[in-house]
Protein backbone atom coordinates (compact mmCIF):
# COMPACT_ATOMS: atom_id res chain seq x y z
CA MET A 1 0.00 0.00 0.00
CA PHE A 2 1.16 3.49 -0.73
CA GLY A 3 0.13 5.47 2.29
CA LEU A 4 -0.66 9.12 2.54
CA SER A 5 2.96 9.67 3.33
CA ALA A 6 4.82 8.65 0.23
CA CYS A 7 8.38 8.66 1.43
CA THR A 8 10.60 6.08 3.03
CA GLY A 9 14.24 5.89 3.27
CA GLY A 10 17.61 5.07 4.38
CA GLY A 11 18.83 8.43 5.68
CA SER A 12 22.17 9.33 4.21
CA SER A 13 23.68 7.36 1.40
CA ALA A 14 27.26 6.32 1.00
CA GLY A 15 27.61 7.57 -2.54
CA GLY A 16 25.73 10.84 -2.41
CA GLY A 17 23.07 11.90 -4.83
CA GLU A 18 23.90 12.02 -8.48
CA GLU A 19 25.22 8.81 -9.88
CA THR A 20 25.06 8.04 -13.56
CA SER A 21 24.52 4.57 -14.93
CA SER A 22 25.39 3.48 -18.43
CA ALA A 23 22.78 0.71 -18.31
CA PRO A 24 19.94 1.18 -20.76
CA THR A 25 16.58 2.06 -19.22
CA SER A 26 15.08 -1.03 -20.81
CA ALA A 27 17.32 -3.19 -18.64
CA SER A 28 15.98 -4.77 -15.47
CA SER A 29 13.19 -2.87 -13.77
CA GLY A 30 14.34 0.13 -11.79
CA SER A 31 18.04 -0.23 -12.65
CA GLY A 32 18.36 3.52 -13.24
CA LEU A 33 17.18 4.18 -9.70
CA ALA A 34 19.94 2.12 -8.05
CA GLY A 35 22.21 5.11 -7.44
CA PHE A 36 19.43 7.67 -6.98
CA ASN A 37 19.18 9.05 -3.45
CA PRO A 38 15.87 10.83 -2.78
CA CYS A 39 17.33 12.31 0.41
CA THR A 40 19.90 14.38 -1.48
CA PHE A 41 17.87 15.15 -4.63
CA PHE A 42 16.53 18.61 -3.79
CA LYS A 43 18.93 21.54 -3.73
CA PRO A 44 18.99 23.56 -0.48
CA GLU A 45 17.69 26.67 -2.26
CA GLU A 46 14.79 24.64 -3.69
CA LEU A 47 13.82 23.35 -0.27
CA THR A 48 13.91 26.89 1.13
CA SER A 49 11.71 28.12 -1.74
CA PHE A 50 9.24 25.27 -0.99
CA GLY A 51 8.97 26.58 2.59
CA VAL A 52 10.58 23.55 4.23
CA SER A 53 13.77 22.82 6.16
CA THR A 54 16.94 21.88 4.29
CA GLN A 55 17.39 19.05 6.82
CA SER A 56 15.90 15.76 5.61
CA LYS A 57 14.31 13.15 7.84
CA ASP A 58 14.12 9.45 7.11
CA PHE A 59 10.66 8.46 6.03
CA THR A 60 10.45 4.67 5.76
CA GLN A 61 7.07 3.00 5.47
CA VAL A 62 8.01 0.02 3.31
CA SER A 63 11.52 -1.27 2.61
CA PHE A 64 11.18 -1.23 -1.19
CA GLN A 65 10.29 2.47 -1.25
CA PRO A 66 13.09 4.49 0.40
CA GLY A 67 13.02 8.25 0.70
CA CYS A 68 13.00 11.31 2.91
CA GLU A 69 10.83 14.20 3.97
CA TRP A 70 11.43 17.86 4.74
CA THR A 71 9.20 19.75 7.16
CA GLY A 72 8.18 23.40 7.20
CA GLU A 73 5.73 25.51 9.14
CA LYS A 74 2.84 24.94 6.72
CA GLN A 75 3.77 21.70 4.94
CA THR A 76 5.97 18.65 4.63
CA ILE A 77 7.45 17.59 1.30
CA GLY A 78 8.33 13.93 0.74
CA LEU A 79 10.25 12.13 -1.99
CA GLN A 80 10.53 8.35 -2.45
CA LYS A 81 11.79 5.97 -5.09
CA ASN A 82 10.33 2.60 -6.01
CA ALA A 83 12.21 0.40 -8.49
CA GLU A 84 9.49 -2.28 -8.47
CA GLU A 85 6.56 -0.26 -9.85
CA THR A 86 5.79 1.80 -12.93
CA VAL A 87 3.18 4.53 -13.23
CA GLN A 88 0.90 2.09 -15.05
CA SER A 89 1.37 -0.83 -12.65
CA LEU A 90 0.78 1.40 -9.64
CA GLY A 91 -2.45 2.73 -11.18
CA LYS A 92 -3.77 -0.81 -11.66
CA GLY A 93 -3.40 -1.49 -7.93
CA GLY A 94 -6.48 0.47 -6.92
CA GLY A 95 -7.10 1.95 -3.48
CA PHE A 96 -7.17 5.54 -4.73
CA ASP A 97 -9.61 8.40 -4.45
CA GLU A 98 -7.92 9.67 -7.61
CA PHE A 99 -5.32 8.36 -10.04
CA THR A 100 -5.12 10.70 -13.04
CA PRO A 101 -2.48 10.07 -15.71
CA THR A 102 -0.58 13.19 -16.76
CA THR A 103 2.94 14.27 -17.66
CA VAL A 104 5.53 15.97 -15.48
CA ALA A 105 8.60 17.50 -17.13
CA GLY A 106 7.84 15.43 -20.24
CA ARG A 107 7.69 12.15 -18.29
CA GLU A 108 4.84 9.72 -17.76
CA ALA A 109 3.23 10.61 -14.43
CA ALA A 110 0.00 10.56 -12.46
CA LYS A 111 -1.69 12.70 -9.85
CA MET A 112 -2.54 10.35 -7.01
CA LEU A 113 -4.73 10.63 -3.94
CA THR A 114 -4.82 7.51 -1.80
CA ALA A 115 -8.16 6.27 -0.52
CA GLY A 116 -9.52 8.70 2.06
CA ALA A 117 -7.08 11.49 1.16
CA THR A 118 -9.51 13.80 -0.64
CA GLY A 119 -9.84 17.08 1.25
CA GLN A 120 -7.18 16.13 3.80
CA GLY A 121 -4.49 18.59 2.64
CA VAL A 122 -2.30 15.98 0.93
CA CYS A 123 -1.38 15.09 -2.63
CA ASN A 124 1.03 12.77 -4.44
CA TYR A 125 2.52 12.80 -7.91
CA VAL A 126 4.14 9.63 -9.18
CA VAL A 127 6.70 10.18 -11.96
CA SER A 128 8.42 7.66 -14.22
CA ALA A 129 12.17 7.56 -13.56
CA GLY A 130 15.02 5.13 -14.08
CA GLY A 131 12.83 2.14 -14.95
CA GLY A 132 10.69 2.65 -11.84
CA ILE A 133 8.92 5.59 -10.21
CA VAL A 134 9.61 8.51 -7.94
CA LEU A 135 6.80 9.67 -5.66
CA TYR A 136 6.48 13.32 -4.71
CA GLN A 137 4.24 14.14 -1.77
CA ILE A 138 2.96 17.20 0.03
CA THR A 139 1.19 17.10 3.37
CA GLY A 140 -0.21 20.25 4.95
CA ALA A 141 0.50 20.81 8.63
CA MET A 142 -3.27 21.21 8.95
CA ARG A 143 -5.97 20.17 6.51
CA ASP A 144 -6.21 23.74 5.15
CA SER A 145 -2.54 24.80 5.56
CA VAL A 146 -1.94 24.55 1.82
CA ALA A 147 -4.79 26.00 -0.24
CA ASP A 148 -4.11 23.77 -3.29
CA PRO A 149 -1.83 20.85 -2.31
CA CYS A 150 -1.90 19.23 -5.76
CA GLY A 151 -1.25 22.54 -7.49
CA GLU A 152 1.71 23.28 -5.21
CA LEU A 153 3.13 19.79 -5.61
CA LYS A 154 2.77 19.90 -9.39
CA LYS A 155 4.91 23.08 -9.42
CA ILE A 156 7.62 21.32 -7.37
CA ALA A 157 7.55 18.22 -9.56
CA ASP A 158 7.59 20.26 -12.78
CA GLN A 159 10.55 22.28 -11.48
CA THR A 160 12.67 19.28 -10.47
CA ALA A 161 11.65 16.08 -12.31
CA SER A 162 13.88 16.76 -15.31
CA ARG A 163 16.83 15.84 -13.05
CA LEU A 164 15.46 12.38 -12.19
CA PRO A 165 17.27 9.35 -13.67
CA GLU A 166 16.14 8.43 -17.19
């Protein structure tokens, strides 16, 4: 299950953030995500502009979906990777109030609200990356802390997704 909080993770990584692989994206599922560290993906100035701390916190819900979250006064931003799913396979799983296919930075993506999330001040975008997916999440500190959670999250994803692994 992909909970309302879409980030899990292993804290700091040994290799840092940007690692390039010469393996083709059609290789084994998620191979392009192997060296991707969600916890070091956002630049400090981006995090500040999103209104959150530059200090990441581990956010592990399930072992196969590592990531981190960053908390601010009004919202928390989360980022996870999942090498086992694709946008299409995730959408077939069900359990959503909304799963709307779209594109983010020219990539296959979907706006996703887990079951029961409508009107709760949260939103997720799942974006194709490295043979798997990266999940962006926003959670308002209060239900109405962020006037348009999906609109805000779409701006963040559009601004940063071009840097995700191919």
